[in-house]
Each structure stands twice: as structure tokens, then as C-alpha cells.
Amino acid sequence: MRAKVRDTEIYFDVEGAGLVPDGAAMRERPIALVSHGGPGADHSGFKPALSPLTEHMQLVYFDHRGHGRSARGDPATYTLDENVEDMEALRQHLGLGRIVSIGMSYGGKVAMAHAARHPEAISHLVLVATAAHHGSLERARQIVAECGTPEQQRACEALWNGTFKDAEEVRRYYQVMGPLYSRRYDPVATAMAVTRAVYEPEPMNRAFGGFLRHLDLRPELGRITAPTLVIAGRHDWICPPEFSQEIASLIPGARLRIFENSSHTIRADEPHVLINAIVGFVDKS
């Protein structure tokens, strides 16, 4: 499905019922907007990993502008600020009230900025494997230099410099980096996932070669009013857990969970624990 919002067209998909029978009545479930990572990827990596959440809430996945199945446009608009306002415009377009906002990796940056700038829109905020500022990039470079194979170090040069030439090069990057992204790396599953995904190098290059180098959301985090759960993987190389600890310290009342057996892709490393943590947080907050 597609929504024409602002100056673009956003692709979104809905999973799970929002209105369910409950005895003699119909009960509304919470609605969650799920913001994907990258930049340069799409929402497909969430399927079917997040599907168990639909027993408790309705999920609305969407692709950021210039990504996946959303419309392309002026590359100058492939920025976090535009992604934030697109997310809010999509929420309003769908007629949603306060939402559960789930953001993973780069999507966590979008989600936390959205929650800070539109606090009235959020009932619960879940930030998974993310960071609030550019310092995480330098730390990630250090980790790859210390722990990565020569092939992984070469693959990351296009990431650090923002010089991916095409979608196939992005696919090769994710395949090579798979063992760092997941502690339970499965080459067959990774190959299937990167084949299914729609990659777009331009947003990735403009982010890592541009605005992510100076991004700093920390001054905004105190404006977040929604109950917040911050989740990190102990072995995450690209958003190390100290950056989640920092986020949790800056958002009033935020809770922090560090998953001891996970790297960046927590939904692959500890899927059941992740689902239970999100459900328990939303149900009890």
C-alpha cells in the first residue's frame, strides 16, 4: 500500500488485526509503527521476525523515502529530518492516535527524533540497537579494525566513505559483514534475506558520507515523554551498547535491556527474548 504524504509517496504494509473479539466486545490493540534501519535498506528484514508481536499489537511497517518500495525523489531530501516528518505525516494520513514506535538501528534514530519532536504522537517508544550521535561511527571503525577480517575491513570502506556504486555492492557488504551483525550468523538465511531486500545505495551514501557524521540527537532526548525501552546487544559492533546506555540515561524514566548473546541483529540472535521484552513493556507500561 502507498500513502501520498508531503512531497513523496511512502510504501507501508500492515500485519495483524487492530480490532479483535474479546468475549462480548471488540477490543482495540495498540498500533505500532516500525522504522527500519540502513539507511539504504527496507522493512523486509522485519518479516517474519516481528510477526509474533501481532498477537498483541497491529504492526505498520514502512519504507523511508528513497528506500525500498517508497518513491524516489530529490536525493537532497534523503535526510533524518525528512524521515521524521514523513513518519509523522504517515501516522496522520492513517488516522492513528498515539502509537507504539519501534525503531531499530537507523530506524531507532528516526524513532527517537520523532518522539522528541512529536511527543503527543507516542504512547510507547522502543529503541533497538541504535545510537544518538555520530560517535558510534568512530567506535564501529575501531571495532572493525580490531576484530574484522581483511575482507570485512575492505567492505566497510564503502560504508565509511559513502561510495557504494549499486545495490549489488550493498548486498555483498551485508553478506560479508553477516558474521559481525549476528552472533548466530546463518549464511543461507542471510543470503535469502539480502536477496529479498530492496537496497538503494544513494540514501546509504548520503547518510554515512554526510549527515550521520555530525548527527547529535542528545540535546533533544530530554523532550521525550513516552515510556521508553532501550535495547542493546552486548556484542553489537556498529551500535555498541554504551551508546544505548547513554540514550537510556538521557530519556526521562527510560528502561535499559542489554541482551548478552546478541550483536546488532537482535531479532536473529535472541528473537524470543526480544519479542517478550517488547510485549511485556507495552502491556505493562
C-alpha atoms as a PDB file:
ATOM      1  CA  MET A   1       0.000   0.000   0.000  1.00  0.00           C
ATOM      2  CA  ARG A   2       1.126   3.534  -0.647  1.00  0.00           C
ATOM      3  CA  ALA A   3       0.398   6.856   1.003  1.00  0.00           C
ATOM      4  CA  LYS A   4       0.986  10.183  -0.727  1.00  0.00           C
ATOM      5  CA  VAL A   5       2.287  12.399   2.047  1.00  0.00           C
ATOM      6  CA  ARG A   6       4.174  15.679   1.944  1.00  0.00           C
ATOM      7  CA  ASP A   7       6.230  15.669  -1.280  1.00  0.00           C
ATOM      8  CA  THR A   8       6.640  11.904  -1.615  1.00  0.00           C
ATOM      9  CA  GLU A   9       4.909   8.524  -1.641  1.00  0.00           C
ATOM     10  CA  ILE A  10       5.585   6.141   1.231  1.00  0.00           C
ATOM     11  CA  TYR A  11       5.131   2.403   0.931  1.00  0.00           C
ATOM     12  CA  PHE A  12       3.622   0.757   4.007  1.00  0.00           C
ATOM     13  CA  ASP A  13       2.321  -2.672   4.938  1.00  0.00           C
ATOM     14  CA  VAL A  14       0.061  -3.744   7.785  1.00  0.00           C
ATOM     15  CA  GLU A  15       0.350  -7.001   9.703  1.00  0.00           C
ATOM     16  CA  GLY A  16      -2.122  -8.199  12.325  1.00  0.00           C
ATOM     17  CA  ALA A  17      -5.589  -7.171  13.356  1.00  0.00           C
ATOM     18  CA  GLY A  18      -6.181  -3.886  15.104  1.00  0.00           C
ATOM     19  CA  LEU A  19      -9.645  -4.845  16.326  1.00  0.00           C
ATOM     20  CA  VAL A  20     -10.152  -8.303  17.825  1.00  0.00           C
ATOM     21  CA  PRO A  21     -13.027 -10.193  19.503  1.00  0.00           C
ATOM     22  CA  ASP A  22     -12.807 -10.203  23.274  1.00  0.00           C
ATOM     23  CA  GLY A  23     -15.780 -12.000  24.765  1.00  0.00           C
ATOM     24  CA  ALA A  24     -18.914  -9.993  24.069  1.00  0.00           C
ATOM     25  CA  ALA A  25     -16.937  -6.957  22.870  1.00  0.00           C
ATOM     26  CA  MET A  26     -14.380  -5.943  20.300  1.00  0.00           C
ATOM     27  CA  ARG A  27     -11.056  -4.761  21.680  1.00  0.00           C
ATOM     28  CA  GLU A  28      -8.576  -2.383  20.049  1.00  0.00           C
ATOM     29  CA  ARG A  29      -4.985  -3.462  20.063  1.00  0.00           C
ATOM     30  CA  PRO A  30      -2.118  -0.966  20.161  1.00  0.00           C
ATOM     31  CA  ILE A  31      -0.780   0.066  16.767  1.00  0.00           C
ATOM     32  CA  ALA A  32       2.967   0.133  16.226  1.00  0.00           C
ATOM     33  CA  LEU A  33       4.862   1.984  13.504  1.00  0.00           C
ATOM     34  CA  VAL A  34       8.073   0.088  12.792  1.00  0.00           C
ATOM     35  CA  SER A  35      11.011   2.093  11.441  1.00  0.00           C
ATOM     36  CA  HIS A  36      13.713   0.177   9.556  1.00  0.00           C
ATOM     37  CA  GLY A  37      17.474   0.546   9.529  1.00  0.00           C
ATOM     38  CA  GLY A  38      20.106   1.188   6.947  1.00  0.00           C
ATOM     39  CA  PRO A  39      19.899   3.739   5.607  1.00  0.00           C
ATOM     40  CA  GLY A  40      19.625   2.146   2.198  1.00  0.00           C
ATOM     41  CA  ALA A  41      17.667  -0.946   3.265  1.00  0.00           C
ATOM     42  CA  ASP A  42      13.919  -1.571   3.554  1.00  0.00           C
ATOM     43  CA  HIS A  43      11.457  -3.040   6.038  1.00  0.00           C
ATOM     44  CA  SER A  44      11.636  -6.613   4.707  1.00  0.00           C
ATOM     45  CA  GLY A  45      14.184  -7.708   7.314  1.00  0.00           C
ATOM     46  CA  PHE A  46      11.456  -7.486   9.958  1.00  0.00           C
ATOM     47  CA  LYS A  47       9.445 -10.258   8.292  1.00  0.00           C
ATOM     48  CA  PRO A  48       8.777 -12.768   9.763  1.00  0.00           C
ATOM     49  CA  ALA A  49      10.938 -11.962  12.808  1.00  0.00           C
ATOM     50  CA  LEU A  50       8.472  -9.462  14.293  1.00  0.00           C
ATOM     51  CA  SER A  51       5.312 -11.333  13.282  1.00  0.00           C
ATOM     52  CA  PRO A  52       4.800 -12.794  16.801  1.00  0.00           C
ATOM     53  CA  LEU A  53       4.133  -9.238  18.005  1.00  0.00           C
ATOM     54  CA  THR A  54       0.846  -9.313  16.084  1.00  0.00           C
ATOM     55  CA  GLU A  55      -0.653 -11.434  18.845  1.00  0.00           C
ATOM     56  CA  HIS A  56      -0.530  -8.265  20.919  1.00  0.00           C
ATOM     57  CA  MET A  57      -0.475  -5.291  18.549  1.00  0.00           C
ATOM     58  CA  GLN A  58      -1.002  -4.294  14.935  1.00  0.00           C
ATOM     59  CA  LEU A  59       2.211  -3.564  13.043  1.00  0.00           C
ATOM     60  CA  VAL A  60       2.595  -0.922  10.363  1.00  0.00           C
ATOM     61  CA  TYR A  61       5.881  -1.285   8.508  1.00  0.00           C
ATOM     62  CA  PHE A  62       7.037   1.459   6.160  1.00  0.00           C
ATOM     63  CA  ASP A  63       9.979   2.234   3.894  1.00  0.00           C
ATOM     64  CA  HIS A  64      11.652   5.615   4.274  1.00  0.00           C
ATOM     65  CA  ARG A  65      11.566   7.952   1.280  1.00  0.00           C
ATOM     66  CA  GLY A  66      14.028   6.876  -1.388  1.00  0.00           C
ATOM     67  CA  HIS A  67      14.181   3.394   0.142  1.00  0.00           C
ATOM     68  CA  GLY A  68      12.667   0.038  -0.716  1.00  0.00           C
ATOM     69  CA  ARG A  69       9.289   0.393  -2.381  1.00  0.00           C
ATOM     70  CA  SER A  70       8.769   4.045  -1.471  1.00  0.00           C
ATOM     71  CA  ALA A  71       9.117   6.710  -4.134  1.00  0.00           C
ATOM     72  CA  ARG A  72      12.487   8.012  -5.198  1.00  0.00           C
ATOM     73  CA  GLY A  73      12.933  11.773  -5.397  1.00  0.00           C
ATOM     74  CA  ASP A  74      15.432  14.521  -4.821  1.00  0.00           C
ATOM     75  CA  PRO A  75      18.383  12.828  -3.065  1.00  0.00           C
ATOM     76  CA  ALA A  76      18.946  16.032  -1.130  1.00  0.00           C
ATOM     77  CA  THR A  77      15.804  15.129   0.841  1.00  0.00           C
ATOM     78  CA  TYR A  78      17.192  11.765   1.966  1.00  0.00           C
ATOM     79  CA  THR A  79      17.794  13.020   5.489  1.00  0.00           C
ATOM     80  CA  LEU A  80      16.796  12.075   9.001  1.00  0.00           C
ATOM     81  CA  ASP A  81      14.749  15.259   9.385  1.00  0.00           C
ATOM     82  CA  GLU A  82      12.676  14.378   6.316  1.00  0.00           C
ATOM     83  CA  ASN A  83      12.282  10.779   7.507  1.00  0.00           C
ATOM     84  CA  VAL A  84      10.955  12.035  10.834  1.00  0.00           C
ATOM     85  CA  GLU A  85       8.348  14.300   9.241  1.00  0.00           C
ATOM     86  CA  ASP A  86       7.368  11.569   6.752  1.00  0.00           C
ATOM     87  CA  MET A  87       6.742   9.235   9.681  1.00  0.00           C
ATOM     88  CA  GLU A  88       4.522  11.791  11.381  1.00  0.00           C
ATOM     89  CA  ALA A  89       2.694  12.525   8.122  1.00  0.00           C
ATOM     90  CA  LEU A  90       2.077   8.790   7.614  1.00  0.00           C
ATOM     91  CA  ARG A  91       0.697   8.490  11.140  1.00  0.00           C
ATOM     92  CA  GLN A  92      -1.728  11.312  10.465  1.00  0.00           C
ATOM     93  CA  HIS A  93      -2.585  10.015   6.981  1.00  0.00           C
ATOM     94  CA  LEU A  94      -3.614   6.670   8.504  1.00  0.00           C
ATOM     95  CA  GLY A  95      -5.736   8.403  11.123  1.00  0.00           C
ATOM     96  CA  LEU A  96      -3.765   6.938  14.004  1.00  0.00           C
ATOM     97  CA  GLY A  97      -3.759   8.292  17.505  1.00  0.00           C
ATOM     98  CA  ARG A  98      -0.860   7.694  19.848  1.00  0.00           C
ATOM     99  CA  ILE A  99       1.299   4.868  18.562  1.00  0.00           C
ATOM    100  CA  VAL A 100       3.845   2.405  19.800  1.00  0.00           C
ATOM    101  CA  SER A 101       7.002   3.454  17.973  1.00  0.00           C
ATOM    102  CA  ILE A 102       9.570   0.717  17.324  1.00  0.00           C
ATOM    103  CA  GLY A 103      12.843   1.773  15.718  1.00  0.00           C
ATOM    104  CA  MET A 104      15.815  -0.422  15.016  1.00  0.00           C
ATOM    105  CA  SER A 105      19.333   0.758  14.123  1.00  0.00           C
ATOM    106  CA  TYR A 106      18.974   3.841  11.878  1.00  0.00           C
ATOM    107  CA  GLY A 107      15.232   3.472  12.417  1.00  0.00           C
ATOM    108  CA  GLY A 108      15.898   3.980  16.107  1.00  0.00           C
ATOM    109  CA  LYS A 109      17.419   7.365  15.313  1.00  0.00           C
ATOM    110  CA  VAL A 110      14.294   8.274  13.335  1.00  0.00           C
ATOM    111  CA  ALA A 111      12.037   6.985  16.117  1.00  0.00           C
ATOM    112  CA  MET A 112      13.783   8.847  18.921  1.00  0.00           C
ATOM    113  CA  ALA A 113      13.862  12.111  16.945  1.00  0.00           C
ATOM    114  CA  HIS A 114      10.176  11.671  16.084  1.00  0.00           C
ATOM    115  CA  ALA A 115       9.312  11.015  19.735  1.00  0.00           C
ATOM    116  CA  ALA A 116      11.217  14.147  20.796  1.00  0.00           C
ATOM    117  CA  ARG A 117       9.652  16.385  18.149  1.00  0.00           C
ATOM    118  CA  HIS A 118       6.119  14.929  18.287  1.00  0.00           C
ATOM    119  CA  PRO A 119       5.742  13.695  21.869  1.00  0.00           C
ATOM    120  CA  GLU A 120       1.951  13.828  21.653  1.00  0.00           C
ATOM    121  CA  ALA A 121       2.044  11.089  18.981  1.00  0.00           C
ATOM    122  CA  ILE A 122       3.736   8.381  21.057  1.00  0.00           C
ATOM    123  CA  SER A 123       2.321   6.034  23.684  1.00  0.00           C
ATOM    124  CA  HIS A 124       5.425   3.826  23.968  1.00  0.00           C
ATOM    125  CA  LEU A 125       8.896   4.075  22.442  1.00  0.00           C
ATOM    126  CA  VAL A 126      11.105   1.035  21.780  1.00  0.00           C
ATOM    127  CA  LEU A 127      14.664   1.701  20.582  1.00  0.00           C
ATOM    128  CA  VAL A 128      16.636  -1.340  19.456  1.00  0.00           C
ATOM    129  CA  ALA A 129      20.369  -1.408  18.693  1.00  0.00           C
ATOM    130  CA  THR A 130      20.788   2.275  17.939  1.00  0.00           C
ATOM    131  CA  ALA A 131      22.809   5.352  18.870  1.00  0.00           C
ATOM    132  CA  ALA A 132      22.019   9.025  19.352  1.00  0.00           C
ATOM    133  CA  HIS A 133      25.107  10.595  17.803  1.00  0.00           C
ATOM    134  CA  HIS A 134      27.993  10.267  15.377  1.00  0.00           C
ATOM    135  CA  GLY A 135      30.417   8.934  17.958  1.00  0.00           C
ATOM    136  CA  SER A 136      29.145   5.434  17.311  1.00  0.00           C
ATOM    137  CA  LEU A 137      30.631   5.521  13.803  1.00  0.00           C
ATOM    138  CA  GLU A 138      34.177   6.103  15.013  1.00  0.00           C
ATOM    139  CA  ARG A 139      33.774   3.375  17.628  1.00  0.00           C
ATOM    140  CA  ALA A 140      32.476   0.987  14.938  1.00  0.00           C
ATOM    141  CA  ARG A 141      35.501   1.747  12.774  1.00  0.00           C
ATOM    142  CA  GLN A 142      37.770   0.886  15.681  1.00  0.00           C
ATOM    143  CA  ILE A 143      35.959  -2.410  16.286  1.00  0.00           C
ATOM    144  CA  VAL A 144      36.215  -3.448  12.642  1.00  0.00           C
ATOM    145  CA  ALA A 145      39.896  -2.513  12.585  1.00  0.00           C
ATOM    146  CA  GLU A 146      40.492  -4.634  15.688  1.00  0.00           C
ATOM    147  CA  CYS A 147      38.145  -7.568  15.106  1.00  0.00           C
ATOM    148  CA  GLY A 148      37.155  -7.628  11.443  1.00  0.00           C
ATOM    149  CA  THR A 149      38.704  -9.822   8.790  1.00  0.00           C
ATOM    150  CA  PRO A 150      40.636  -8.128   5.958  1.00  0.00           C
ATOM    151  CA  GLU A 151      37.630  -8.738   3.700  1.00  0.00           C
ATOM    152  CA  GLN A 152      35.288  -7.087   6.218  1.00  0.00           C
ATOM    153  CA  GLN A 153      37.635  -4.143   6.613  1.00  0.00           C
ATOM    154  CA  ARG A 154      37.661  -3.649   2.839  1.00  0.00           C
ATOM    155  CA  ALA A 155      33.866  -3.951   2.639  1.00  0.00           C
ATOM    156  CA  CYS A 156      33.466  -1.238   5.270  1.00  0.00           C
ATOM    157  CA  GLU A 157      35.472   1.305   3.302  1.00  0.00           C
ATOM    158  CA  ALA A 158      32.479   1.925   1.037  1.00  0.00           C
ATOM    159  CA  LEU A 159      30.326   2.389   4.152  1.00  0.00           C
ATOM    160  CA  TRP A 160      32.639   4.859   5.890  1.00  0.00           C
ATOM    161  CA  ASN A 161      33.233   6.837   2.690  1.00  0.00           C
ATOM    162  CA  GLY A 162      29.686   6.708   1.323  1.00  0.00           C
ATOM    163  CA  THR A 163      30.798   5.239  -2.013  1.00  0.00           C
ATOM    164  CA  PHE A 164      28.543   2.247  -2.721  1.00  0.00           C
ATOM    165  CA  LYS A 165      28.161   2.062  -6.507  1.00  0.00           C
ATOM    166  CA  ASP A 166      24.996  -0.025  -6.794  1.00  0.00           C
ATOM    167  CA  ALA A 167      22.576  -2.313  -4.955  1.00  0.00           C
ATOM    168  CA  GLU A 168      24.692  -5.384  -5.681  1.00  0.00           C
ATOM    169  CA  GLU A 169      27.646  -3.871  -3.852  1.00  0.00           C
ATOM    170  CA  VAL A 170      25.376  -3.194  -0.870  1.00  0.00           C
ATOM    171  CA  ARG A 171      24.243  -6.825  -0.953  1.00  0.00           C
ATOM    172  CA  ARG A 172      27.831  -8.022  -0.970  1.00  0.00           C
ATOM    173  CA  TYR A 173      28.566  -5.754   2.001  1.00  0.00           C
ATOM    174  CA  TYR A 174      25.777  -7.331   4.091  1.00  0.00           C
ATOM    175  CA  GLN A 175      26.854 -10.836   3.119  1.00  0.00           C
ATOM    176  CA  VAL A 176      30.488 -10.195   4.063  1.00  0.00           C
ATOM    177  CA  MET A 177      29.560  -8.415   7.291  1.00  0.00           C
ATOM    178  CA  GLY A 178      26.952 -11.003   8.325  1.00  0.00           C
ATOM    179  CA  PRO A 179      29.127 -12.682  10.998  1.00  0.00           C
ATOM    180  CA  LEU A 180      29.610  -9.326  12.728  1.00  0.00           C
ATOM    181  CA  TYR A 181      25.945  -8.350  12.533  1.00  0.00           C
ATOM    182  CA  SER A 182      24.738 -11.618  14.108  1.00  0.00           C
ATOM    183  CA  ARG A 183      26.155 -13.966  16.725  1.00  0.00           C
ATOM    184  CA  ARG A 184      24.012 -16.710  15.203  1.00  0.00           C
ATOM    185  CA  TYR A 185      25.103 -15.996  11.667  1.00  0.00           C
ATOM    186  CA  ASP A 186      23.441 -18.311   9.160  1.00  0.00           C
ATOM    187  CA  PRO A 187      24.881 -17.851   5.646  1.00  0.00           C
ATOM    188  CA  VAL A 188      21.850 -19.425   3.954  1.00  0.00           C
ATOM    189  CA  ALA A 189      19.343 -17.287   5.849  1.00  0.00           C
ATOM    190  CA  THR A 190      21.489 -14.189   5.281  1.00  0.00           C
ATOM    191  CA  ALA A 191      21.682 -14.878   1.546  1.00  0.00           C
ATOM    192  CA  MET A 192      17.905 -15.222   1.373  1.00  0.00           C
ATOM    193  CA  ALA A 193      17.346 -12.023   3.365  1.00  0.00           C
ATOM    194  CA  VAL A 194      19.704  -9.897   1.271  1.00  0.00           C
ATOM    195  CA  THR A 195      18.165 -11.286  -1.914  1.00  0.00           C
ATOM    196  CA  ARG A 196      14.659 -10.341  -0.766  1.00  0.00           C
ATOM    197  CA  ALA A 197      15.609  -6.828   0.312  1.00  0.00           C
ATOM    198  CA  VAL A 198      15.383  -3.807  -1.955  1.00  0.00           C
ATOM    199  CA  TYR A 199      18.619  -1.891  -1.463  1.00  0.00           C
ATOM    200  CA  GLU A 200      19.252   1.668  -2.589  1.00  0.00           C
ATOM    201  CA  PRO A 201      22.836   2.967  -2.314  1.00  0.00           C
ATOM    202  CA  GLU A 202      22.060   6.705  -2.609  1.00  0.00           C
ATOM    203  CA  PRO A 203      20.429   7.116   0.838  1.00  0.00           C
ATOM    204  CA  MET A 204      23.181   4.976   2.361  1.00  0.00           C
ATOM    205  CA  ASN A 205      25.938   7.062   0.789  1.00  0.00           C
ATOM    206  CA  ARG A 206      24.326  10.368   1.742  1.00  0.00           C
ATOM    207  CA  ALA A 207      23.918   9.200   5.327  1.00  0.00           C
ATOM    208  CA  PHE A 208      27.305   7.630   6.057  1.00  0.00           C
ATOM    209  CA  GLY A 209      29.176  10.009   3.802  1.00  0.00           C
ATOM    210  CA  GLY A 210      27.197  13.009   5.029  1.00  0.00           C
ATOM    211  CA  PHE A 211      24.719  13.776   7.792  1.00  0.00           C
ATOM    212  CA  LEU A 212      25.450  10.819  10.093  1.00  0.00           C
ATOM    213  CA  ARG A 213      28.993  12.159  10.516  1.00  0.00           C
ATOM    214  CA  HIS A 214      27.720  15.104  12.549  1.00  0.00           C
ATOM    215  CA  LEU A 215      24.329  13.909  13.815  1.00  0.00           C
ATOM    216  CA  ASP A 216      23.696  14.522  17.512  1.00  0.00           C
ATOM    217  CA  LEU A 217      20.232  13.901  18.939  1.00  0.00           C
ATOM    218  CA  ARG A 218      21.305  14.053  22.571  1.00  0.00           C
ATOM    219  CA  PRO A 219      20.058  17.614  23.189  1.00  0.00           C
ATOM    220  CA  GLU A 220      16.544  16.507  22.138  1.00  0.00           C
ATOM    221  CA  LEU A 221      16.188  13.353  24.214  1.00  0.00           C
ATOM    222  CA  GLY A 222      15.004  15.117  27.345  1.00  0.00           C
ATOM    223  CA  ARG A 223      11.856  16.138  25.468  1.00  0.00           C
ATOM    224  CA  ILE A 224      10.695  12.537  25.090  1.00  0.00           C
ATOM    225  CA  THR A 225       7.731  11.948  27.391  1.00  0.00           C
ATOM    226  CA  ALA A 226       6.613   8.439  26.403  1.00  0.00           C
ATOM    227  CA  PRO A 227       7.647   5.393  28.416  1.00  0.00           C
ATOM    228  CA  THR A 228      10.799   4.180  26.678  1.00  0.00           C
ATOM    229  CA  LEU A 229      12.542   0.826  26.421  1.00  0.00           C
ATOM    230  CA  VAL A 230      16.130   0.868  25.117  1.00  0.00           C
ATOM    231  CA  ILE A 231      17.504  -2.485  23.950  1.00  0.00           C
ATOM    232  CA  ALA A 232      21.113  -3.254  23.053  1.00  0.00           C
ATOM    233  CA  GLY A 233      23.174  -6.259  22.020  1.00  0.00           C
ATOM    234  CA  ARG A 234      26.245  -6.810  24.174  1.00  0.00           C
ATOM    235  CA  HIS A 235      28.351  -7.661  21.099  1.00  0.00           C
ATOM    236  CA  ASP A 236      26.951  -5.048  18.712  1.00  0.00           C
ATOM    237  CA  TRP A 237      29.782  -3.697  16.583  1.00  0.00           C
ATOM    238  CA  ILE A 238      28.042  -0.812  14.786  1.00  0.00           C
ATOM    239  CA  CYS A 239      25.884   0.495  17.672  1.00  0.00           C
ATOM    240  CA  PRO A 240      27.854  -0.705  20.707  1.00  0.00           C
ATOM    241  CA  PRO A 241      25.878  -0.987  23.965  1.00  0.00           C
ATOM    242  CA  GLU A 242      27.492   2.019  25.615  1.00  0.00           C
ATOM    243  CA  PHE A 243      25.521   4.187  23.192  1.00  0.00           C
ATOM    244  CA  SER A 244      22.255   2.597  24.314  1.00  0.00           C
ATOM    245  CA  GLN A 245      23.281   3.173  27.917  1.00  0.00           C
ATOM    246  CA  GLU A 246      23.792   6.831  27.064  1.00  0.00           C
ATOM    247  CA  ILE A 247      20.365   7.074  25.419  1.00  0.00           C
ATOM    248  CA  ALA A 248      18.682   5.495  28.442  1.00  0.00           C
ATOM    249  CA  SER A 249      20.415   7.954  30.759  1.00  0.00           C
ATOM    250  CA  LEU A 250      19.128  10.939  28.769  1.00  0.00           C
ATOM    251  CA  ILE A 251      15.486   9.945  28.263  1.00  0.00           C
ATOM    252  CA  PRO A 252      13.480  10.537  31.449  1.00  0.00           C
ATOM    253  CA  GLY A 253      12.474   7.240  33.071  1.00  0.00           C
ATOM    254  CA  ALA A 254      13.836   5.063  30.252  1.00  0.00           C
ATOM    255  CA  ARG A 255      14.495   1.381  30.879  1.00  0.00           C
ATOM    256  CA  LEU A 256      17.579  -0.377  29.513  1.00  0.00           C
ATOM    257  CA  ARG A 257      17.920  -4.028  28.488  1.00  0.00           C
ATOM    258  CA  ILE A 258      21.223  -5.422  27.241  1.00  0.00           C
ATOM    259  CA  PHE A 259      20.961  -8.788  25.539  1.00  0.00           C
ATOM    260  CA  GLU A 260      24.083 -10.708  26.442  1.00  0.00           C
ATOM    261  CA  ASN A 261      24.030 -13.125  23.487  1.00  0.00           C
ATOM    262  CA  SER A 262      23.301 -10.648  20.713  1.00  0.00           C
ATOM    263  CA  SER A 263      25.142  -8.486  18.254  1.00  0.00           C
ATOM    264  CA  HIS A 264      23.363  -5.869  16.133  1.00  0.00           C
ATOM    265  CA  THR A 265      20.635  -8.096  14.690  1.00  0.00           C
ATOM    266  CA  ILE A 266      18.970  -8.982  17.970  1.00  0.00           C
ATOM    267  CA  ARG A 267      15.880 -10.272  16.163  1.00  0.00           C
ATOM    268  CA  ALA A 268      18.065 -13.064  14.760  1.00  0.00           C
ATOM    269  CA  ASP A 269      20.239 -13.698  17.827  1.00  0.00           C
ATOM    270  CA  GLU A 270      17.626 -13.718  20.607  1.00  0.00           C
ATOM    271  CA  PRO A 271      14.262 -13.500  18.825  1.00  0.00           C
ATOM    272  CA  HIS A 272      12.001 -14.850  21.561  1.00  0.00           C
ATOM    273  CA  VAL A 273      13.614 -12.743  24.267  1.00  0.00           C
ATOM    274  CA  LEU A 274      13.242  -9.653  22.091  1.00  0.00           C
ATOM    275  CA  ILE A 275       9.561 -10.280  21.404  1.00  0.00           C
ATOM    276  CA  ASN A 276       8.841 -10.965  25.071  1.00  0.00           C
ATOM    277  CA  ALA A 277      10.672  -7.803  26.140  1.00  0.00           C
ATOM    278  CA  ILE A 278       8.676  -5.610  23.750  1.00  0.00           C
ATOM    279  CA  VAL A 279       5.338  -7.227  24.621  1.00  0.00           C
ATOM    280  CA  GLY A 280       5.978  -7.063  28.350  1.00  0.00           C
ATOM    281  CA  PHE A 281       6.988  -3.417  28.119  1.00  0.00           C
ATOM    282  CA  VAL A 282       3.960  -2.333  26.086  1.00  0.00           C
ATOM    283  CA  ASP A 283       1.485  -4.411  28.112  1.00  0.00           C
ATOM    284  CA  LYS A 284       2.723  -3.235  31.500  1.00  0.00           C
ATOM    285  CA  SER A 285       3.678   0.409  30.887  1.00  0.00           C
END
